[in-house]
């Protein structure tokens, strides 16, 4: 039973993950399932990873933590802006708050 789903929808200079809730559960269960789903993708890392889809705050933090060890920057999609907002950066090419397509 999947409580949270993560899939790669784009690879290249920027990797994009689609995030989605699965079966109903509490955050303590969903966080563990979300991290396991990301780890199962065997991501190789790179310049930037973009996250797109719904996530509770605990899930977003957990996923962000996992991928921040692999990518120079982590950006989350903001539907109001229609762009990704850089939320974590270890790469001088990306600034916190920077908008990317």
PDB file of N, CA and C in Angstrom:
ATOM      1  N   UNK A   1       0.846  -1.168   0.000  1.00  0.00           N
ATOM      2  CA  UNK A   1       0.000   0.000   0.000  1.00  0.00           C
ATOM      3  C   UNK A   1       0.899   1.241   0.000  1.00  0.00           C
ATOM      4  N   UNK A   2       0.658   2.130  -0.921  1.00  0.00           N
ATOM      5  CA  UNK A   2       1.464   3.352  -1.035  1.00  0.00           C
ATOM      6  C   UNK A   2       0.707   4.521  -0.399  1.00  0.00           C
ATOM      7  N   UNK A   3       1.359   5.145   0.593  1.00  0.00           N
ATOM      8  CA  UNK A   3       0.778   6.315   1.244  1.00  0.00           C
ATOM      9  C   UNK A   3       1.247   7.606   0.583  1.00  0.00           C
ATOM     10  N   UNK A   4       2.343   7.486  -0.179  1.00  0.00           N
ATOM     11  CA  UNK A   4       2.854   8.653  -0.889  1.00  0.00           C
ATOM     12  C   UNK A   4       3.563   8.159  -2.142  1.00  0.00           C
ATOM     13  N   UNK A   5       3.421   8.917  -3.225  1.00  0.00           N
ATOM     14  CA  UNK A   5       3.987   8.506  -4.512  1.00  0.00           C
ATOM     15  C   UNK A   5       4.936   9.578  -5.021  1.00  0.00           C
ATOM     16  N   UNK A   6       6.054   9.130  -5.544  1.00  0.00           N
ATOM     17  CA  UNK A   6       7.047  10.032  -6.134  1.00  0.00           C
ATOM     18  C   UNK A   6       7.512   9.401  -7.434  1.00  0.00           C
ATOM     19  N   UNK A   7       7.478  10.175  -8.510  1.00  0.00           N
ATOM     20  CA  UNK A   7       7.961   9.656  -9.791  1.00  0.00           C
ATOM     21  C   UNK A   7       8.790  10.719 -10.498  1.00  0.00           C
ATOM     22  N   UNK A   8       9.742  10.260 -11.284  1.00  0.00           N
ATOM     23  CA  UNK A   8      10.556  11.159 -12.095  1.00  0.00           C
ATOM     24  C   UNK A   8       9.762  11.474 -13.352  1.00  0.00           C
ATOM     25  N   UNK A   9       9.555  12.760 -13.631  1.00  0.00           N
ATOM     26  CA  UNK A   9       8.836  13.124 -14.857  1.00  0.00           C
ATOM     27  C   UNK A   9       9.753  13.816 -15.862  1.00  0.00           C
ATOM     28  N   UNK A  10      10.949  14.178 -15.411  1.00  0.00           N
ATOM     29  CA  UNK A  10      11.912  14.788 -16.330  1.00  0.00           C
ATOM     30  C   UNK A  10      13.317  14.583 -15.794  1.00  0.00           C
ATOM     31  N   UNK A  11      14.213  14.220 -16.689  1.00  0.00           N
ATOM     32  CA  UNK A  11      15.641  14.100 -16.352  1.00  0.00           C
ATOM     33  C   UNK A  11      16.407  15.042 -17.256  1.00  0.00           C
ATOM     34  N   UNK A  12      17.601  15.339 -16.911  1.00  0.00           N
ATOM     35  CA  UNK A  12      18.426  16.226 -17.716  1.00  0.00           C
ATOM     36  C   UNK A  12      19.178  17.160 -16.802  1.00  0.00           C
ATOM     37  N   UNK A  13      19.422  18.379 -17.272  1.00  0.00           N
ATOM     38  CA  UNK A  13      20.121  19.347 -16.437  1.00  0.00           C
ATOM     39  C   UNK A  13      19.343  19.599 -15.150  1.00  0.00           C
ATOM     40  N   UNK A  14      18.027  19.542 -15.240  1.00  0.00           N
ATOM     41  CA  UNK A  14      17.151  19.653 -14.074  1.00  0.00           C
ATOM     42  C   UNK A  14      16.280  18.406 -14.010  1.00  0.00           C
ATOM     43  N   UNK A  15      16.285  17.764 -12.868  1.00  0.00           N
ATOM     44  CA  UNK A  15      15.411  16.614 -12.656  1.00  0.00           C
ATOM     45  C   UNK A  15      14.116  17.133 -12.040  1.00  0.00           C
ATOM     46  N   UNK A  16      12.992  16.600 -12.479  1.00  0.00           N
ATOM     47  CA  UNK A  16      11.707  17.000 -11.918  1.00  0.00           C
ATOM     48  C   UNK A  16      11.014  15.774 -11.353  1.00  0.00           C
ATOM     49  N   UNK A  17      10.548  15.902 -10.111  1.00  0.00           N
ATOM     50  CA  UNK A  17       9.787  14.839  -9.474  1.00  0.00           C
ATOM     51  C   UNK A  17       8.341  15.267  -9.321  1.00  0.00           C
ATOM     52  N   UNK A  18       7.426  14.358  -9.612  1.00  0.00           N
ATOM     53  CA  UNK A  18       6.004  14.585  -9.351  1.00  0.00           C
ATOM     54  C   UNK A  18       5.673  13.913  -8.033  1.00  0.00           C
ATOM     55  N   UNK A  19       5.083  14.678  -7.127  1.00  0.00           N
ATOM     56  CA  UNK A  19       4.723  14.199  -5.795  1.00  0.00           C
ATOM     57  C   UNK A  19       3.208  14.041  -5.715  1.00  0.00           C
ATOM     58  N   UNK A  20       2.743  13.020  -4.981  1.00  0.00           N
ATOM     59  CA  UNK A  20       1.302  12.816  -4.847  1.00  0.00           C
ATOM     60  C   UNK A  20       1.000  11.982  -3.605  1.00  0.00           C
ATOM     61  N   UNK A  21      -0.087  12.321  -2.949  1.00  0.00           N
ATOM     62  CA  UNK A  21      -0.549  11.504  -1.836  1.00  0.00           C
ATOM     63  C   UNK A  21      -1.135  10.206  -2.380  1.00  0.00           C
ATOM     64  N   UNK A  22      -1.033   9.155  -1.589  1.00  0.00           N
ATOM     65  CA  UNK A  22      -1.620   7.872  -1.934  1.00  0.00           C
ATOM     66  C   UNK A  22      -2.782   7.584  -1.010  1.00  0.00           C
ATOM     67  N   UNK A  23      -2.750   6.418  -0.385  1.00  0.00           N
ATOM     68  CA  UNK A  23      -3.806   6.028   0.554  1.00  0.00           C
ATOM     69  C   UNK A  23      -3.780   6.946   1.778  1.00  0.00           C
ATOM     70  N   UNK A  24      -4.929   7.219   2.355  1.00  0.00           N
ATOM     71  CA  UNK A  24      -4.969   8.086   3.538  1.00  0.00           C
ATOM     72  C   UNK A  24      -4.171   7.507   4.705  1.00  0.00           C
ATOM     73  N   UNK A  25      -3.442   8.382   5.386  1.00  0.00           N
ATOM     74  CA  UNK A  25      -2.653   7.990   6.561  1.00  0.00           C
ATOM     75  C   UNK A  25      -2.243   9.258   7.298  1.00  0.00           C
ATOM     76  N   UNK A  26      -1.688   9.081   8.489  1.00  0.00           N
ATOM     77  CA  UNK A  26      -1.169  10.198   9.275  1.00  0.00           C
ATOM     78  C   UNK A  26       0.248  10.529   8.799  1.00  0.00           C
ATOM     79  N   UNK A  27       0.695  11.745   9.111  1.00  0.00           N
ATOM     80  CA  UNK A  27       2.003  12.204   8.636  1.00  0.00           C
ATOM     81  C   UNK A  27       3.169  11.329   9.081  1.00  0.00           C
ATOM     82  N   UNK A  28       3.101  10.712  10.264  1.00  0.00           N
ATOM     83  CA  UNK A  28       4.221   9.872  10.698  1.00  0.00           C
ATOM     84  C   UNK A  28       4.428   8.701   9.742  1.00  0.00           C
ATOM     85  N   UNK A  29       3.358   8.195   9.184  1.00  0.00           N
ATOM     86  CA  UNK A  29       3.436   7.099   8.218  1.00  0.00           C
ATOM     87  C   UNK A  29       3.790   7.633   6.835  1.00  0.00           C
ATOM     88  N   UNK A  30       3.177   8.727   6.445  1.00  0.00           N
ATOM     89  CA  UNK A  30       3.397   9.293   5.110  1.00  0.00           C
ATOM     90  C   UNK A  30       4.848   9.737   4.938  1.00  0.00           C
ATOM     91  N   UNK A  31       5.438  10.354   5.962  1.00  0.00           N
ATOM     92  CA  UNK A  31       6.833  10.812   5.865  1.00  0.00           C
ATOM     93  C   UNK A  31       7.768   9.640   5.577  1.00  0.00           C
ATOM     94  N   UNK A  32       7.609   8.550   6.300  1.00  0.00           N
ATOM     95  CA  UNK A  32       8.468   7.373   6.065  1.00  0.00           C
ATOM     96  C   UNK A  32       8.279   6.823   4.655  1.00  0.00           C
ATOM     97  N   UNK A  33       7.038   6.778   4.206  1.00  0.00           N
ATOM     98  CA  UNK A  33       6.742   6.257   2.875  1.00  0.00           C
ATOM     99  C   UNK A  33       7.288   7.187   1.787  1.00  0.00           C
ATOM    100  N   UNK A  34       7.188   8.493   1.998  1.00  0.00           N
ATOM    101  CA  UNK A  34       7.703   9.461   1.020  1.00  0.00           C
ATOM    102  C   UNK A  34       9.211   9.347   0.880  1.00  0.00           C
ATOM    103  N   UNK A  35       9.923   9.252   1.995  1.00  0.00           N
ATOM    104  CA  UNK A  35      11.379   9.122   1.949  1.00  0.00           C
ATOM    105  C   UNK A  35      11.771   7.815   1.258  1.00  0.00           C
ATOM    106  N   UNK A  36      11.077   6.738   1.574  1.00  0.00           N
ATOM    107  CA  UNK A  36      11.364   5.449   0.921  1.00  0.00           C
ATOM    108  C   UNK A  36      11.104   5.532  -0.577  1.00  0.00           C
ATOM    109  N   UNK A  37      10.048   6.243  -0.974  1.00  0.00           N
ATOM    110  CA  UNK A  37       9.736   6.385  -2.403  1.00  0.00           C
ATOM    111  C   UNK A  37      10.823   7.155  -3.134  1.00  0.00           C
ATOM    112  N   UNK A  38      11.353   8.199  -2.517  1.00  0.00           N
ATOM    113  CA  UNK A  38      12.445   8.970  -3.130  1.00  0.00           C
ATOM    114  C   UNK A  38      13.697   8.107  -3.212  1.00  0.00           C
ATOM    115  N   UNK A  39      14.028   7.422  -2.142  1.00  0.00           N
ATOM    116  CA  UNK A  39      15.225   6.574  -2.132  1.00  0.00           C
ATOM    117  C   UNK A  39      15.138   5.457  -3.164  1.00  0.00           C
ATOM    118  N   UNK A  40      13.951   4.940  -3.409  1.00  0.00           N
ATOM    119  CA  UNK A  40      13.760   3.866  -4.393  1.00  0.00           C
ATOM    120  C   UNK A  40      14.040   4.327  -5.819  1.00  0.00           C
ATOM    121  N   UNK A  41      14.026   5.640  -6.059  1.00  0.00           N
ATOM    122  CA  UNK A  41      14.311   6.164  -7.397  1.00  0.00           C
ATOM    123  C   UNK A  41      15.805   6.100  -7.736  1.00  0.00           C
ATOM    124  N   UNK A  42      16.646   5.886  -6.735  1.00  0.00           N
ATOM    125  CA  UNK A  42      18.103   5.827  -6.937  1.00  0.00           C
ATOM    126  C   UNK A  42      18.601   7.037  -7.729  1.00  0.00           C
ATOM    127  N   UNK A  43      18.227   8.213  -7.275  1.00  0.00           N
ATOM    128  CA  UNK A  43      18.638   9.451  -7.948  1.00  0.00           C
ATOM    129  C   UNK A  43      20.151   9.605  -7.910  1.00  0.00           C
ATOM    130  N   UNK A  44      20.705  10.064  -9.028  1.00  0.00           N
ATOM    131  CA  UNK A  44      22.153  10.219  -9.132  1.00  0.00           C
ATOM    132  C   UNK A  44      22.630  11.597  -8.689  1.00  0.00           C
ATOM    133  N   UNK A  45      21.732  12.547  -8.605  1.00  0.00           N
ATOM    134  CA  UNK A  45      22.107  13.902  -8.223  1.00  0.00           C
ATOM    135  C   UNK A  45      22.404  14.751  -9.439  1.00  0.00           C
ATOM    136  N   UNK A  46      22.697  16.020  -9.185  1.00  0.00           N
ATOM    137  CA  UNK A  46      22.975  16.949 -10.273  1.00  0.00           C
ATOM    138  C   UNK A  46      22.886  18.388  -9.810  1.00  0.00           C
ATOM    139  N   UNK A  47      22.633  19.292 -10.745  1.00  0.00           N
ATOM    140  CA  UNK A  47      22.585  20.732 -10.460  1.00  0.00           C
ATOM    141  C   UNK A  47      21.363  21.120  -9.649  1.00  0.00           C
ATOM    142  N   UNK A  48      20.186  20.751 -10.142  1.00  0.00           N
ATOM    143  CA  UNK A  48      18.948  21.191  -9.489  1.00  0.00           C
ATOM    144  C   UNK A  48      17.875  20.121  -9.627  1.00  0.00           C
ATOM    145  N   UNK A  49      17.076  20.005  -8.580  1.00  0.00           N
ATOM    146  CA  UNK A  49      15.915  19.122  -8.631  1.00  0.00           C
ATOM    147  C   UNK A  49      14.684  19.976  -8.347  1.00  0.00           C
ATOM    148  N   UNK A  50      13.636  19.722  -9.129  1.00  0.00           N
ATOM    149  CA  UNK A  50      12.387  20.469  -8.994  1.00  0.00           C
ATOM    150  C   UNK A  50      11.320  19.521  -8.471  1.00  0.00           C
ATOM    151  N   UNK A  51      10.581  19.971  -7.468  1.00  0.00           N
ATOM    152  CA  UNK A  51       9.524  19.176  -6.854  1.00  0.00           C
ATOM    153  C   UNK A  51       8.184  19.782  -7.219  1.00  0.00           C
ATOM    154  N   UNK A  52       7.271  18.938  -7.688  1.00  0.00           N
ATOM    155  CA  UNK A  52       5.989  19.434  -8.160  1.00  0.00           C
ATOM    156  C   UNK A  52       4.888  18.504  -7.660  1.00  0.00           C
ATOM    157  N   UNK A  53       3.985  19.046  -6.881  1.00  0.00           N
ATOM    158  CA  UNK A  53       2.862  18.264  -6.398  1.00  0.00           C
ATOM    159  C   UNK A  53       2.604  18.534  -4.934  1.00  0.00           C
ATOM    160  N   UNK A  54       1.475  18.037  -4.426  1.00  0.00           N
ATOM    161  CA  UNK A  54       1.100  18.314  -3.053  1.00  0.00           C
ATOM    162  C   UNK A  54       1.961  17.563  -2.042  1.00  0.00           C
ATOM    163  N   UNK A  55       2.226  18.238  -0.925  1.00  0.00           N
ATOM    164  CA  UNK A  55       2.979  17.631   0.170  1.00  0.00           C
ATOM    165  C   UNK A  55       2.626  18.371   1.457  1.00  0.00           C
ATOM    166  N   UNK A  56       2.465  17.623   2.518  1.00  0.00           N
ATOM    167  CA  UNK A  56       2.315  18.267   3.820  1.00  0.00           C
ATOM    168  C   UNK A  56       3.671  18.859   4.195  1.00  0.00           C
ATOM    169  N   UNK A  57       3.685  19.730   5.169  1.00  0.00           N
ATOM    170  CA  UNK A  57       4.952  20.345   5.574  1.00  0.00           C
ATOM    171  C   UNK A  57       5.977  19.301   6.027  1.00  0.00           C
ATOM    172  N   UNK A  58       5.622  18.324   6.872  1.00  0.00           N
ATOM    173  CA  UNK A  58       6.610  17.309   7.244  1.00  0.00           C
ATOM    174  C   UNK A  58       7.141  16.519   6.044  1.00  0.00           C
ATOM    175  N   UNK A  59       6.279  16.202   5.099  1.00  0.00           N
ATOM    176  CA  UNK A  59       6.702  15.458   3.909  1.00  0.00           C
ATOM    177  C   UNK A  59       7.642  16.305   3.060  1.00  0.00           C
ATOM    178  N   UNK A  60       7.309  17.569   2.858  1.00  0.00           N
ATOM    179  CA  UNK A  60       8.157  18.452   2.059  1.00  0.00           C
ATOM    180  C   UNK A  60       9.542  18.589   2.678  1.00  0.00           C
ATOM    181  N   UNK A  61       9.598  18.742   3.996  1.00  0.00           N
ATOM    182  CA  UNK A  61      10.896  18.865   4.664  1.00  0.00           C
ATOM    183  C   UNK A  61      11.701  17.580   4.510  1.00  0.00           C
ATOM    184  N   UNK A  62      11.059  16.434   4.702  1.00  0.00           N
ATOM    185  CA  UNK A  62      11.766  15.152   4.601  1.00  0.00           C
ATOM    186  C   UNK A  62      12.294  14.913   3.193  1.00  0.00           C
ATOM    187  N   UNK A  63      11.477  15.166   2.187  1.00  0.00           N
ATOM    188  CA  UNK A  63      11.919  14.982   0.804  1.00  0.00           C
ATOM    189  C   UNK A  63      13.028  15.976   0.478  1.00  0.00           C
ATOM    190  N   UNK A  64      12.853  17.229   0.875  1.00  0.00           N
ATOM    191  CA  UNK A  64      13.876  18.239   0.635  1.00  0.00           C
ATOM    192  C   UNK A  64      15.208  17.855   1.249  1.00  0.00           C
ATOM    193  N   UNK A  65      15.170  17.305   2.448  1.00  0.00           N
ATOM    194  CA  UNK A  65      16.403  16.884   3.120  1.00  0.00           C
ATOM    195  C   UNK A  65      17.110  15.773   2.342  1.00  0.00           C
ATOM    196  N   UNK A  66      16.354  14.787   1.896  1.00  0.00           N
ATOM    197  CA  UNK A  66      16.942  13.666   1.156  1.00  0.00           C
ATOM    198  C   UNK A  66      17.604  14.149  -0.138  1.00  0.00           C
ATOM    199  N   UNK A  67      16.894  14.947  -0.911  1.00  0.00           N
ATOM    200  CA  UNK A  67      17.429  15.340  -2.219  1.00  0.00           C
ATOM    201  C   UNK A  67      18.488  16.441  -2.120  1.00  0.00           C
ATOM    202  N   UNK A  68      18.486  17.216  -1.039  1.00  0.00           N
ATOM    203  CA  UNK A  68      19.486  18.283  -0.882  1.00  0.00           C
ATOM    204  C   UNK A  68      20.892  17.713  -0.733  1.00  0.00           C
ATOM    205  N   UNK A  69      20.999  16.447  -0.343  1.00  0.00           N
ATOM    206  CA  UNK A  69      22.309  15.796  -0.256  1.00  0.00           C
ATOM    207  C   UNK A  69      22.826  15.369  -1.626  1.00  0.00           C
ATOM    208  N   UNK A  70      21.949  15.378  -2.632  1.00  0.00           N
ATOM    209  CA  UNK A  70      22.305  14.899  -3.969  1.00  0.00           C
ATOM    210  C   UNK A  70      22.388  16.002  -5.020  1.00  0.00           C
ATOM    211  N   UNK A  71      21.698  17.115  -4.794  1.00  0.00           N
ATOM    212  CA  UNK A  71      21.587  18.178  -5.801  1.00  0.00           C
ATOM    213  C   UNK A  71      22.106  19.500  -5.250  1.00  0.00           C
ATOM    214  N   UNK A  72      22.598  20.330  -6.143  1.00  0.00           N
ATOM    215  CA  UNK A  72      23.097  21.647  -5.755  1.00  0.00           C
ATOM    216  C   UNK A  72      21.998  22.576  -5.304  1.00  0.00           C
ATOM    217  N   UNK A  73      20.790  22.375  -5.811  1.00  0.00           N
ATOM    218  CA  UNK A  73      19.654  23.210  -5.427  1.00  0.00           C
ATOM    219  C   UNK A  73      18.369  22.392  -5.473  1.00  0.00           C
ATOM    220  N   UNK A  74      17.434  22.776  -4.603  1.00  0.00           N
ATOM    221  CA  UNK A  74      16.120  22.148  -4.549  1.00  0.00           C
ATOM    222  C   UNK A  74      15.095  23.262  -4.738  1.00  0.00           C
ATOM    223  N   UNK A  75      14.194  23.073  -5.686  1.00  0.00           N
ATOM    224  CA  UNK A  75      13.167  24.077  -5.962  1.00  0.00           C
ATOM    225  C   UNK A  75      11.788  23.424  -5.924  1.00  0.00           C
ATOM    226  N   UNK A  76      10.814  24.156  -5.404  1.00  0.00           N
ATOM    227  CA  UNK A  76       9.438  23.666  -5.313  1.00  0.00           C
ATOM    228  C   UNK A  76       8.538  24.512  -6.204  1.00  0.00           C
ATOM    229  N   UNK A  77       7.574  23.861  -6.859  1.00  0.00           N
ATOM    230  CA  UNK A  77       6.673  24.565  -7.759  1.00  0.00           C
ATOM    231  C   UNK A  77       5.677  25.409  -6.974  1.00  0.00           C
ATOM    232  N   UNK A  78       5.493  26.642  -7.414  1.00  0.00           N
ATOM    233  CA  UNK A  78       4.486  27.540  -6.851  1.00  0.00           C
ATOM    234  C   UNK A  78       3.447  27.794  -7.939  1.00  0.00           C
ATOM    235  N   UNK A  79       2.261  27.220  -7.802  1.00  0.00           N
ATOM    236  CA  UNK A  79       1.258  27.377  -8.858  1.00  0.00           C
ATOM    237  C   UNK A  79       0.806  28.822  -9.063  1.00  0.00           C
ATOM    238  N   UNK A  80       0.876  29.649  -8.034  1.00  0.00           N
ATOM    239  CA  UNK A  80       0.482  31.056  -8.191  1.00  0.00           C
ATOM    240  C   UNK A  80       1.461  31.798  -9.093  1.00  0.00           C
ATOM    241  N   UNK A  81       2.737  31.433  -9.007  1.00  0.00           N
ATOM    242  CA  UNK A  81       3.763  32.063  -9.834  1.00  0.00           C
ATOM    243  C   UNK A  81       3.955  31.340 -11.162  1.00  0.00           C
ATOM    244  N   UNK A  82       3.566  30.073 -11.217  1.00  0.00           N
ATOM    245  CA  UNK A  82       3.782  29.281 -12.415  1.00  0.00           C
ATOM    246  C   UNK A  82       5.253  28.977 -12.634  1.00  0.00           C
ATOM    247  N   UNK A  83       6.031  29.010 -11.551  1.00  0.00           N
ATOM    248  CA  UNK A  83       7.469  28.757 -11.616  1.00  0.00           C
ATOM    249  C   UNK A  83       7.905  27.986 -10.369  1.00  0.00           C
ATOM    250  N   UNK A  84       9.129  27.512 -10.420  1.00  0.00           N
ATOM    251  CA  UNK A  84       9.724  26.842  -9.270  1.00  0.00           C
ATOM    252  C   UNK A  84      10.498  27.873  -8.455  1.00  0.00           C
ATOM    253  N   UNK A  85      10.420  27.765  -7.137  1.00  0.00           N
ATOM    254  CA  UNK A  85      11.119  28.665  -6.222  1.00  0.00           C
ATOM    255  C   UNK A  85      12.246  27.880  -5.559  1.00  0.00           C
ATOM    256  N   UNK A  86      13.470  28.362  -5.684  1.00  0.00           N
ATOM    257  CA  UNK A  86      14.611  27.698  -5.056  1.00  0.00           C
ATOM    258  C   UNK A  86      14.473  27.851  -3.538  1.00  0.00           C
ATOM    259  N   UNK A  87      14.419  26.721  -2.839  1.00  0.00           N
ATOM    260  CA  UNK A  87      14.249  26.715  -1.388  1.00  0.00           C
ATOM    261  C   UNK A  87      15.519  26.292  -0.654  1.00  0.00           C
ATOM    262  N   UNK A  88      16.384  25.537  -1.335  1.00  0.00           N
ATOM    263  CA  UNK A  88      17.656  25.087  -0.772  1.00  0.00           C
ATOM    264  C   UNK A  88      18.703  25.250  -1.853  1.00  0.00           C
ATOM    265  N   UNK A  89      19.860  25.806  -1.491  1.00  0.00           N
ATOM    266  CA  UNK A  89      20.927  25.923  -2.486  1.00  0.00           C
ATOM    267  C   UNK A  89      22.303  25.791  -1.847  1.00  0.00           C
ATOM    268  N   UNK A  90      23.104  24.942  -2.468  1.00  0.00           N
ATOM    269  CA  UNK A  90      24.518  24.790  -2.124  1.00  0.00           C
ATOM    270  C   UNK A  90      25.360  25.147  -3.342  1.00  0.00           C
ATOM    271  N   UNK A  91      24.738  25.739  -4.334  1.00  0.00           N
ATOM    272  CA  UNK A  91      25.369  26.069  -5.607  1.00  0.00           C
ATOM    273  C   UNK A  91      25.230  27.577  -5.831  1.00  0.00           C
ATOM    274  N   UNK A  92      26.344  28.282  -6.030  1.00  0.00           N
ATOM    275  CA  UNK A  92      26.257  29.737  -6.207  1.00  0.00           C
ATOM    276  C   UNK A  92      25.464  30.157  -7.447  1.00  0.00           C
ATOM    277  N   UNK A  93      25.193  29.241  -8.340  1.00  0.00           N
ATOM    278  CA  UNK A  93      24.390  29.541  -9.527  1.00  0.00           C
ATOM    279  C   UNK A  93      22.912  29.754  -9.176  1.00  0.00           C
ATOM    280  N   UNK A  94      22.493  29.226  -8.024  1.00  0.00           N
ATOM    281  CA  UNK A  94      21.095  29.321  -7.590  1.00  0.00           C
ATOM    282  C   UNK A  94      21.017  30.038  -6.253  1.00  0.00           C
ATOM    283  N   UNK A  95      20.166  31.071  -6.191  1.00  0.00           N
ATOM    284  CA  UNK A  95      19.967  31.815  -4.948  1.00  0.00           C
ATOM    285  C   UNK A  95      18.638  31.410  -4.326  1.00  0.00           C
ATOM    286  N   UNK A  96      18.583  31.418  -3.000  1.00  0.00           N
ATOM    287  CA  UNK A  96      17.340  31.165  -2.299  1.00  0.00           C
ATOM    288  C   UNK A  96      16.307  32.193  -2.783  1.00  0.00           C
ATOM    289  N   UNK A  97      15.124  31.704  -3.131  1.00  0.00           N
ATOM    290  CA  UNK A  97      14.070  32.583  -3.618  1.00  0.00           C
ATOM    291  C   UNK A  97      14.090  32.818  -5.116  1.00  0.00           C
ATOM    292  N   UNK A  98      15.130  32.365  -5.787  1.00  0.00           N
ATOM    293  CA  UNK A  98      15.221  32.534  -7.236  1.00  0.00           C
ATOM    294  C   UNK A  98      14.099  31.752  -7.919  1.00  0.00           C
ATOM    295  N   UNK A  99      13.498  32.348  -8.942  1.00  0.00           N
ATOM    296  CA  UNK A  99      12.458  31.670  -9.711  1.00  0.00           C
ATOM    297  C   UNK A  99      13.087  31.019 -10.932  1.00  0.00           C
ATOM    298  N   UNK A 100      12.726  29.762 -11.178  1.00  0.00           N
ATOM    299  CA  UNK A 100      13.220  29.044 -12.354  1.00  0.00           C
ATOM    300  C   UNK A 100      12.050  28.388 -13.059  1.00  0.00           C
ATOM    301  N   UNK A 101      12.206  28.141 -14.352  1.00  0.00           N
ATOM    302  CA  UNK A 101      11.148  27.484 -15.140  1.00  0.00           C
ATOM    303  C   UNK A 101      11.172  25.990 -14.896  1.00  0.00           C
TER     304      UNK A 101
END
